[in-house]
């Protein structure tokens, strides 16, 4: 909760803005579903996606590349490296 504005830098805007019950239920849900197993599954799918995109760019002759900055974040740039 300390990361949510006004204490932190994350804005929580919208229909349930400043609704502590909505925030608490969201956090509880994320804690339940974002397990180590879920992260491992997500990372494996991500690696498959990156490989497939790189293979596609190479096979199709498109000048471009997939740039991975942080885990599970990807940019596809269609230009010379």
PDB file of N, CA and C in Angstrom:
ATOM      1  N   UNK A   1       0.818  -1.194   0.000  1.00  0.00           N
ATOM      2  CA  UNK A   1       0.000   0.000   0.000  1.00  0.00           C
ATOM      3  C   UNK A   1       0.865   1.262   0.000  1.00  0.00           C
ATOM      4  N   UNK A   2       2.089   1.152   0.527  1.00  0.00           N
ATOM      5  CA  UNK A   2       2.925   2.345   0.567  1.00  0.00           C
ATOM      6  C   UNK A   2       3.419   2.774  -0.810  1.00  0.00           C
ATOM      7  N   UNK A   3       3.229   1.932  -1.838  1.00  0.00           N
ATOM      8  CA  UNK A   3       3.635   2.325  -3.196  1.00  0.00           C
ATOM      9  C   UNK A   3       2.528   3.104  -3.919  1.00  0.00           C
ATOM     10  N   UNK A   4       1.310   3.119  -3.351  1.00  0.00           N
ATOM     11  CA  UNK A   4       0.185   3.811  -3.975  1.00  0.00           C
ATOM     12  C   UNK A   4       0.156   5.270  -3.508  1.00  0.00           C
ATOM     13  N   UNK A   5      -0.077   6.182  -4.459  1.00  0.00           N
ATOM     14  CA  UNK A   5      -0.174   7.607  -4.156  1.00  0.00           C
ATOM     15  C   UNK A   5      -1.212   7.850  -3.066  1.00  0.00           C
ATOM     16  N   UNK A   6      -1.032   8.676  -2.103  1.00  0.00           N
ATOM     17  CA  UNK A   6      -0.046   9.730  -1.981  1.00  0.00           C
ATOM     18  C   UNK A   6       1.254   9.306  -1.315  1.00  0.00           C
ATOM     19  N   UNK A   7       1.331   8.087  -0.759  1.00  0.00           N
ATOM     20  CA  UNK A   7       2.566   7.661  -0.108  1.00  0.00           C
ATOM     21  C   UNK A   7       3.639   7.282  -1.114  1.00  0.00           C
ATOM     22  N   UNK A   8       3.222   6.689  -2.232  1.00  0.00           N
ATOM     23  CA  UNK A   8       4.178   6.229  -3.233  1.00  0.00           C
ATOM     24  C   UNK A   8       3.987   6.920  -4.564  1.00  0.00           C
ATOM     25  N   UNK A   9       4.556   6.290  -5.601  1.00  0.00           N
ATOM     26  CA  UNK A   9       4.567   6.899  -6.928  1.00  0.00           C
ATOM     27  C   UNK A   9       3.549   6.275  -7.884  1.00  0.00           C
ATOM     28  N   UNK A  10       2.749   5.331  -7.439  1.00  0.00           N
ATOM     29  CA  UNK A  10       1.790   4.653  -8.301  1.00  0.00           C
ATOM     30  C   UNK A  10       0.412   5.278  -8.143  1.00  0.00           C
ATOM     31  N   UNK A  11      -0.168   5.696  -9.252  1.00  0.00           N
ATOM     32  CA  UNK A  11      -1.511   6.270  -9.217  1.00  0.00           C
ATOM     33  C   UNK A  11      -2.541   5.154  -9.285  1.00  0.00           C
ATOM     34  N   UNK A  12      -3.598   5.293  -8.576  1.00  0.00           N
ATOM     35  CA  UNK A  12      -4.716   4.344  -8.620  1.00  0.00           C
ATOM     36  C   UNK A  12      -5.947   5.163  -8.981  1.00  0.00           C
ATOM     37  N   UNK A  13      -6.106   5.386 -10.283  1.00  0.00           N
ATOM     38  CA  UNK A  13      -7.190   6.248 -10.755  1.00  0.00           C
ATOM     39  C   UNK A  13      -8.280   5.419 -11.408  1.00  0.00           C
ATOM     40  N   UNK A  14      -9.474   5.925 -11.386  1.00  0.00           N
ATOM     41  CA  UNK A  14     -10.568   5.257 -12.074  1.00  0.00           C
ATOM     42  C   UNK A  14     -11.796   5.147 -11.198  1.00  0.00           C
ATOM     43  N   UNK A  15     -12.678   4.237 -11.578  1.00  0.00           N
ATOM     44  CA  UNK A  15     -13.951   4.072 -10.890  1.00  0.00           C
ATOM     45  C   UNK A  15     -13.781   3.803  -9.402  1.00  0.00           C
ATOM     46  N   UNK A  16     -12.777   3.006  -9.050  1.00  0.00           N
ATOM     47  CA  UNK A  16     -12.579   2.646  -7.647  1.00  0.00           C
ATOM     48  C   UNK A  16     -11.417   3.416  -7.026  1.00  0.00           C
ATOM     49  N   UNK A  17     -11.173   4.616  -7.513  1.00  0.00           N
ATOM     50  CA  UNK A  17     -10.086   5.443  -7.017  1.00  0.00           C
ATOM     51  C   UNK A  17     -10.205   5.631  -5.503  1.00  0.00           C
ATOM     52  N   UNK A  18      -9.103   5.389  -4.816  1.00  0.00           N
ATOM     53  CA  UNK A  18      -9.010   5.557  -3.368  1.00  0.00           C
ATOM     54  C   UNK A  18      -9.930   4.612  -2.604  1.00  0.00           C
ATOM     55  N   UNK A  19     -10.369   3.549  -3.224  1.00  0.00           N
ATOM     56  CA  UNK A  19     -11.219   2.583  -2.557  1.00  0.00           C
ATOM     57  C   UNK A  19     -10.327   1.501  -1.960  1.00  0.00           C
ATOM     58  N   UNK A  20     -10.130   1.551  -0.656  1.00  0.00           N
ATOM     59  CA  UNK A  20      -9.200   0.634  -0.005  1.00  0.00           C
ATOM     60  C   UNK A  20      -9.637  -0.821  -0.127  1.00  0.00           C
ATOM     61  N   UNK A  21     -10.937  -1.085  -0.199  1.00  0.00           N
ATOM     62  CA  UNK A  21     -11.412  -2.457  -0.376  1.00  0.00           C
ATOM     63  C   UNK A  21     -11.014  -2.984  -1.754  1.00  0.00           C
ATOM     64  N   UNK A  22     -11.140  -2.148  -2.783  1.00  0.00           N
ATOM     65  CA  UNK A  22     -10.744  -2.553  -4.141  1.00  0.00           C
ATOM     66  C   UNK A  22      -9.246  -2.826  -4.201  1.00  0.00           C
ATOM     67  N   UNK A  23      -8.461  -1.978  -3.578  1.00  0.00           N
ATOM     68  CA  UNK A  23      -7.015  -2.172  -3.566  1.00  0.00           C
ATOM     69  C   UNK A  23      -6.657  -3.451  -2.810  1.00  0.00           C
ATOM     70  N   UNK A  24      -7.237  -3.649  -1.644  1.00  0.00           N
ATOM     71  CA  UNK A  24      -6.945  -4.835  -0.834  1.00  0.00           C
ATOM     72  C   UNK A  24      -7.351  -6.114  -1.560  1.00  0.00           C
ATOM     73  N   UNK A  25      -8.500  -6.102  -2.236  1.00  0.00           N
ATOM     74  CA  UNK A  25      -8.928  -7.302  -2.954  1.00  0.00           C
ATOM     75  C   UNK A  25      -8.028  -7.560  -4.157  1.00  0.00           C
ATOM     76  N   UNK A  26      -7.570  -6.508  -4.817  1.00  0.00           N
ATOM     77  CA  UNK A  26      -6.639  -6.663  -5.940  1.00  0.00           C
ATOM     78  C   UNK A  26      -5.323  -7.256  -5.492  1.00  0.00           C
ATOM     79  N   UNK A  27      -4.785  -6.770  -4.400  1.00  0.00           N
ATOM     80  CA  UNK A  27      -3.533  -7.297  -3.857  1.00  0.00           C
ATOM     81  C   UNK A  27      -3.701  -8.754  -3.441  1.00  0.00           C
ATOM     82  N   UNK A  28      -4.790  -9.079  -2.777  1.00  0.00           N
ATOM     83  CA  UNK A  28      -5.044 -10.463  -2.351  1.00  0.00           C
ATOM     84  C   UNK A  28      -5.142 -11.391  -3.563  1.00  0.00           C
ATOM     85  N   UNK A  29      -5.808 -10.937  -4.613  1.00  0.00           N
ATOM     86  CA  UNK A  29      -5.936 -11.746  -5.826  1.00  0.00           C
ATOM     87  C   UNK A  29      -4.579 -11.973  -6.469  1.00  0.00           C
ATOM     88  N   UNK A  30      -3.788 -10.915  -6.598  1.00  0.00           N
ATOM     89  CA  UNK A  30      -2.466 -11.050  -7.211  1.00  0.00           C
ATOM     90  C   UNK A  30      -1.562 -11.971  -6.401  1.00  0.00           C
ATOM     91  N   UNK A  31      -1.633 -11.883  -5.087  1.00  0.00           N
ATOM     92  CA  UNK A  31      -0.825 -12.778  -4.246  1.00  0.00           C
ATOM     93  C   UNK A  31      -1.225 -14.234  -4.451  1.00  0.00           C
ATOM     94  N   UNK A  32      -2.493 -14.457  -4.712  1.00  0.00           N
ATOM     95  CA  UNK A  32      -2.999 -15.826  -4.900  1.00  0.00           C
ATOM     96  C   UNK A  32      -2.585 -16.392  -6.257  1.00  0.00           C
ATOM     97  N   UNK A  33      -2.622 -15.566  -7.309  1.00  0.00           N
ATOM     98  CA  UNK A  33      -2.382 -16.101  -8.651  1.00  0.00           C
ATOM     99  C   UNK A  33      -0.947 -15.919  -9.145  1.00  0.00           C
ATOM    100  N   UNK A  34      -0.208 -14.948  -8.632  1.00  0.00           N
ATOM    101  CA  UNK A  34       1.165 -14.723  -9.100  1.00  0.00           C
ATOM    102  C   UNK A  34       2.157 -15.493  -8.231  1.00  0.00           C
ATOM    103  N   UNK A  35       2.130 -16.798  -8.390  1.00  0.00           N
ATOM    104  CA  UNK A  35       3.012 -17.688  -7.639  1.00  0.00           C
ATOM    105  C   UNK A  35       4.310 -17.904  -8.413  1.00  0.00           C
ATOM    106  N   UNK A  36       5.278 -18.545  -7.770  1.00  0.00           N
ATOM    107  CA  UNK A  36       6.528 -18.880  -8.461  1.00  0.00           C
ATOM    108  C   UNK A  36       6.244 -19.764  -9.675  1.00  0.00           C
ATOM    109  N   UNK A  37       5.293 -20.676  -9.527  1.00  0.00           N
ATOM    110  CA  UNK A  37       4.915 -21.557 -10.639  1.00  0.00           C
ATOM    111  C   UNK A  37       4.314 -20.743 -11.790  1.00  0.00           C
ATOM    112  N   UNK A  38       3.479 -19.778 -11.481  1.00  0.00           N
ATOM    113  CA  UNK A  38       2.875 -18.935 -12.515  1.00  0.00           C
ATOM    114  C   UNK A  38       3.940 -18.116 -13.232  1.00  0.00           C
ATOM    115  N   UNK A  39       4.904 -17.563 -12.481  1.00  0.00           N
ATOM    116  CA  UNK A  39       5.980 -16.802 -13.109  1.00  0.00           C
ATOM    117  C   UNK A  39       6.830 -17.686 -14.012  1.00  0.00           C
ATOM    118  N   UNK A  40       7.119 -18.901 -13.578  1.00  0.00           N
ATOM    119  CA  UNK A  40       7.905 -19.836 -14.389  1.00  0.00           C
ATOM    120  C   UNK A  40       7.168 -20.159 -15.686  1.00  0.00           C
ATOM    121  N   UNK A  41       5.868 -20.372 -15.601  1.00  0.00           N
ATOM    122  CA  UNK A  41       5.048 -20.657 -16.777  1.00  0.00           C
ATOM    123  C   UNK A  41       5.058 -19.453 -17.729  1.00  0.00           C
ATOM    124  N   UNK A  42       4.872 -18.265 -17.178  1.00  0.00           N
ATOM    125  CA  UNK A  42       4.857 -17.055 -17.981  1.00  0.00           C
ATOM    126  C   UNK A  42       6.206 -16.844 -18.672  1.00  0.00           C
ATOM    127  N   UNK A  43       7.296 -17.078 -17.951  1.00  0.00           N
ATOM    128  CA  UNK A  43       8.630 -16.889 -18.527  1.00  0.00           C
ATOM    129  C   UNK A  43       8.877 -17.886 -19.656  1.00  0.00           C
ATOM    130  N   UNK A  44       8.435 -19.123 -19.491  1.00  0.00           N
ATOM    131  CA  UNK A  44       8.603 -20.130 -20.545  1.00  0.00           C
ATOM    132  C   UNK A  44       7.824 -19.731 -21.801  1.00  0.00           C
ATOM    133  N   UNK A  45       6.589 -19.262 -21.641  1.00  0.00           N
ATOM    134  CA  UNK A  45       5.799 -18.812 -22.798  1.00  0.00           C
ATOM    135  C   UNK A  45       6.451 -17.605 -23.458  1.00  0.00           C
ATOM    136  N   UNK A  46       6.999 -16.716 -22.654  1.00  0.00           N
ATOM    137  CA  UNK A  46       7.678 -15.527 -23.163  1.00  0.00           C
ATOM    138  C   UNK A  46       8.889 -15.925 -24.010  1.00  0.00           C
ATOM    139  N   UNK A  47       9.680 -16.860 -23.520  1.00  0.00           N
ATOM    140  CA  UNK A  47      10.854 -17.310 -24.270  1.00  0.00           C
ATOM    141  C   UNK A  47      10.434 -17.936 -25.598  1.00  0.00           C
ATOM    142  N   UNK A  48       9.330 -18.682 -25.611  1.00  0.00           N
ATOM    143  CA  UNK A  48       8.808 -19.256 -26.852  1.00  0.00           C
ATOM    144  C   UNK A  48       8.389 -18.151 -27.818  1.00  0.00           C
ATOM    145  N   UNK A  49       7.734 -17.133 -27.297  1.00  0.00           N
ATOM    146  CA  UNK A  49       7.292 -16.009 -28.116  1.00  0.00           C
ATOM    147  C   UNK A  49       8.488 -15.301 -28.744  1.00  0.00           C
ATOM    148  N   UNK A  50       9.500 -15.003 -27.957  1.00  0.00           N
ATOM    149  CA  UNK A  50      10.684 -14.312 -28.453  1.00  0.00           C
ATOM    150  C   UNK A  50      11.365 -15.145 -29.534  1.00  0.00           C
ATOM    151  N   UNK A  51      11.522 -16.434 -29.293  1.00  0.00           N
ATOM    152  CA  UNK A  51      12.153 -17.309 -30.289  1.00  0.00           C
ATOM    153  C   UNK A  51      11.343 -17.330 -31.575  1.00  0.00           C
ATOM    154  N   UNK A  52      10.033 -17.449 -31.460  1.00  0.00           N
ATOM    155  CA  UNK A  52       9.175 -17.463 -32.632  1.00  0.00           C
ATOM    156  C   UNK A  52       9.248 -16.172 -33.420  1.00  0.00           C
ATOM    157  N   UNK A  53       9.266 -15.045 -32.730  1.00  0.00           N
ATOM    158  CA  UNK A  53       9.370 -13.754 -33.406  1.00  0.00           C
ATOM    159  C   UNK A  53      10.719 -13.587 -34.097  1.00  0.00           C
ATOM    160  N   UNK A  54      11.777 -13.999 -33.426  1.00  0.00           N
ATOM    161  CA  UNK A  54      13.111 -13.913 -34.034  1.00  0.00           C
ATOM    162  C   UNK A  54      13.198 -14.809 -35.263  1.00  0.00           C
ATOM    163  N   UNK A  55      12.674 -16.022 -35.144  1.00  0.00           N
ATOM    164  CA  UNK A  55      12.668 -16.942 -36.285  1.00  0.00           C
ATOM    165  C   UNK A  55      11.866 -16.356 -37.447  1.00  0.00           C
ATOM    166  N   UNK A  56      10.709 -15.768 -37.140  1.00  0.00           N
ATOM    167  CA  UNK A  56       9.865 -15.177 -38.181  1.00  0.00           C
ATOM    168  C   UNK A  56      10.589 -14.046 -38.895  1.00  0.00           C
ATOM    169  N   UNK A  57      11.214 -13.154 -38.136  1.00  0.00           N
ATOM    170  CA  UNK A  57      11.942 -12.047 -38.751  1.00  0.00           C
ATOM    171  C   UNK A  57      13.040 -12.571 -39.671  1.00  0.00           C
ATOM    172  N   UNK A  58      13.764 -13.561 -39.193  1.00  0.00           N
ATOM    173  CA  UNK A  58      14.857 -14.122 -39.994  1.00  0.00           C
ATOM    174  C   UNK A  58      14.319 -14.834 -41.239  1.00  0.00           C
ATOM    175  N   UNK A  59      13.311 -15.680 -41.062  1.00  0.00           N
ATOM    176  CA  UNK A  59      12.760 -16.446 -42.180  1.00  0.00           C
ATOM    177  C   UNK A  59      12.097 -15.572 -43.239  1.00  0.00           C
ATOM    178  N   UNK A  60      11.506 -14.466 -42.831  1.00  0.00           N
ATOM    179  CA  UNK A  60      10.790 -13.603 -43.773  1.00  0.00           C
ATOM    180  C   UNK A  60      11.682 -12.547 -44.410  1.00  0.00           C
ATOM    181  N   UNK A  61      12.906 -12.450 -43.915  1.00  0.00           N
ATOM    182  CA  UNK A  61      13.826 -11.466 -44.480  1.00  0.00           C
ATOM    183  C   UNK A  61      13.580 -10.049 -44.010  1.00  0.00           C
ATOM    184  N   UNK A  62      12.784  -9.895 -42.977  1.00  0.00           N
ATOM    185  CA  UNK A  62      12.519  -8.554 -42.433  1.00  0.00           C
ATOM    186  C   UNK A  62      13.717  -8.123 -41.599  1.00  0.00           C
ATOM    187  N   UNK A  63      14.223  -6.927 -41.904  1.00  0.00           N
ATOM    188  CA  UNK A  63      15.322  -6.409 -41.103  1.00  0.00           C
ATOM    189  C   UNK A  63      14.759  -5.915 -39.778  1.00  0.00           C
ATOM    190  N   UNK A  64      15.096  -6.577 -38.736  1.00  0.00           N
ATOM    191  CA  UNK A  64      14.600  -6.199 -37.421  1.00  0.00           C
ATOM    192  C   UNK A  64      15.135  -7.129 -36.365  1.00  0.00           C
ATOM    193  N   UNK A  65      14.803  -6.841 -35.134  1.00  0.00           N
ATOM    194  CA  UNK A  65      15.241  -7.691 -34.035  1.00  0.00           C
ATOM    195  C   UNK A  65      14.324  -7.508 -32.834  1.00  0.00           C
ATOM    196  N   UNK A  66      14.369  -8.478 -31.965  1.00  0.00           N
ATOM    197  CA  UNK A  66      13.617  -8.429 -30.704  1.00  0.00           C
ATOM    198  C   UNK A  66      14.588  -8.001 -29.620  1.00  0.00           C
ATOM    199  N   UNK A  67      14.232  -6.977 -28.908  1.00  0.00           N
ATOM    200  CA  UNK A  67      15.085  -6.465 -27.846  1.00  0.00           C
ATOM    201  C   UNK A  67      14.450  -6.797 -26.504  1.00  0.00           C
ATOM    202  N   UNK A  68      15.203  -7.482 -25.663  1.00  0.00           N
ATOM    203  CA  UNK A  68      14.728  -7.833 -24.326  1.00  0.00           C
ATOM    204  C   UNK A  68      15.473  -6.959 -23.328  1.00  0.00           C
ATOM    205  N   UNK A  69      14.732  -6.091 -22.646  1.00  0.00           N
ATOM    206  CA  UNK A  69      15.362  -5.210 -21.664  1.00  0.00           C
ATOM    207  C   UNK A  69      15.331  -5.817 -20.263  1.00  0.00           C
ATOM    208  N   UNK A  70      14.195  -6.278 -19.881  1.00  0.00           N
ATOM    209  CA  UNK A  70      13.996  -6.897 -18.575  1.00  0.00           C
ATOM    210  C   UNK A  70      13.193  -8.167 -18.805  1.00  0.00           C
ATOM    211  N   UNK A  71      13.173  -9.077 -17.845  1.00  0.00           N
ATOM    212  CA  UNK A  71      12.395 -10.304 -18.056  1.00  0.00           C
ATOM    213  C   UNK A  71      10.948 -10.009 -18.432  1.00  0.00           C
ATOM    214  N   UNK A  72      10.486 -10.677 -19.459  1.00  0.00           N
ATOM    215  CA  UNK A  72       9.101 -10.596 -19.925  1.00  0.00           C
ATOM    216  C   UNK A  72       8.697  -9.210 -20.426  1.00  0.00           C
ATOM    217  N   UNK A  73       9.660  -8.458 -20.912  1.00  0.00           N
ATOM    218  CA  UNK A  73       9.366  -7.199 -21.589  1.00  0.00           C
ATOM    219  C   UNK A  73      10.106  -7.240 -22.912  1.00  0.00           C
ATOM    220  N   UNK A  74       9.419  -6.877 -23.973  1.00  0.00           N
ATOM    221  CA  UNK A  74       9.948  -7.096 -25.304  1.00  0.00           C
ATOM    222  C   UNK A  74       9.600  -5.938 -26.227  1.00  0.00           C
ATOM    223  N   UNK A  75      10.541  -5.583 -27.086  1.00  0.00           N
ATOM    224  CA  UNK A  75      10.281  -4.625 -28.154  1.00  0.00           C
ATOM    225  C   UNK A  75      10.701  -5.269 -29.454  1.00  0.00           C
ATOM    226  N   UNK A  76       9.897  -5.093 -30.484  1.00  0.00           N
ATOM    227  CA  UNK A  76      10.245  -5.575 -31.810  1.00  0.00           C
ATOM    228  C   UNK A  76      10.562  -4.346 -32.643  1.00  0.00           C
ATOM    229  N   UNK A  77      11.773  -4.273 -33.117  1.00  0.00           N
ATOM    230  CA  UNK A  77      12.201  -3.127 -33.908  1.00  0.00           C
ATOM    231  C   UNK A  77      12.476  -3.612 -35.324  1.00  0.00           C
ATOM    232  N   UNK A  78      11.774  -3.062 -36.281  1.00  0.00           N
ATOM    233  CA  UNK A  78      11.969  -3.414 -37.683  1.00  0.00           C
ATOM    234  C   UNK A  78      12.892  -2.392 -38.319  1.00  0.00           C
ATOM    235  N   UNK A  79      14.171  -2.575 -38.091  1.00  0.00           N
ATOM    236  CA  UNK A  79      15.184  -1.698 -38.620  1.00  0.00           C
ATOM    237  C   UNK A  79      16.521  -2.414 -38.492  1.00  0.00           C
ATOM    238  N   UNK A  80      17.552  -1.830 -39.079  1.00  0.00           N
ATOM    239  CA  UNK A  80      18.888  -2.413 -38.907  1.00  0.00           C
ATOM    240  C   UNK A  80      19.332  -2.202 -37.480  1.00  0.00           C
ATOM    241  N   UNK A  81      20.063  -3.135 -36.972  1.00  0.00           N
ATOM    242  CA  UNK A  81      20.544  -3.072 -35.614  1.00  0.00           C
ATOM    243  C   UNK A  81      21.530  -1.962 -35.427  1.00  0.00           C
TER     244      UNK A  81
END
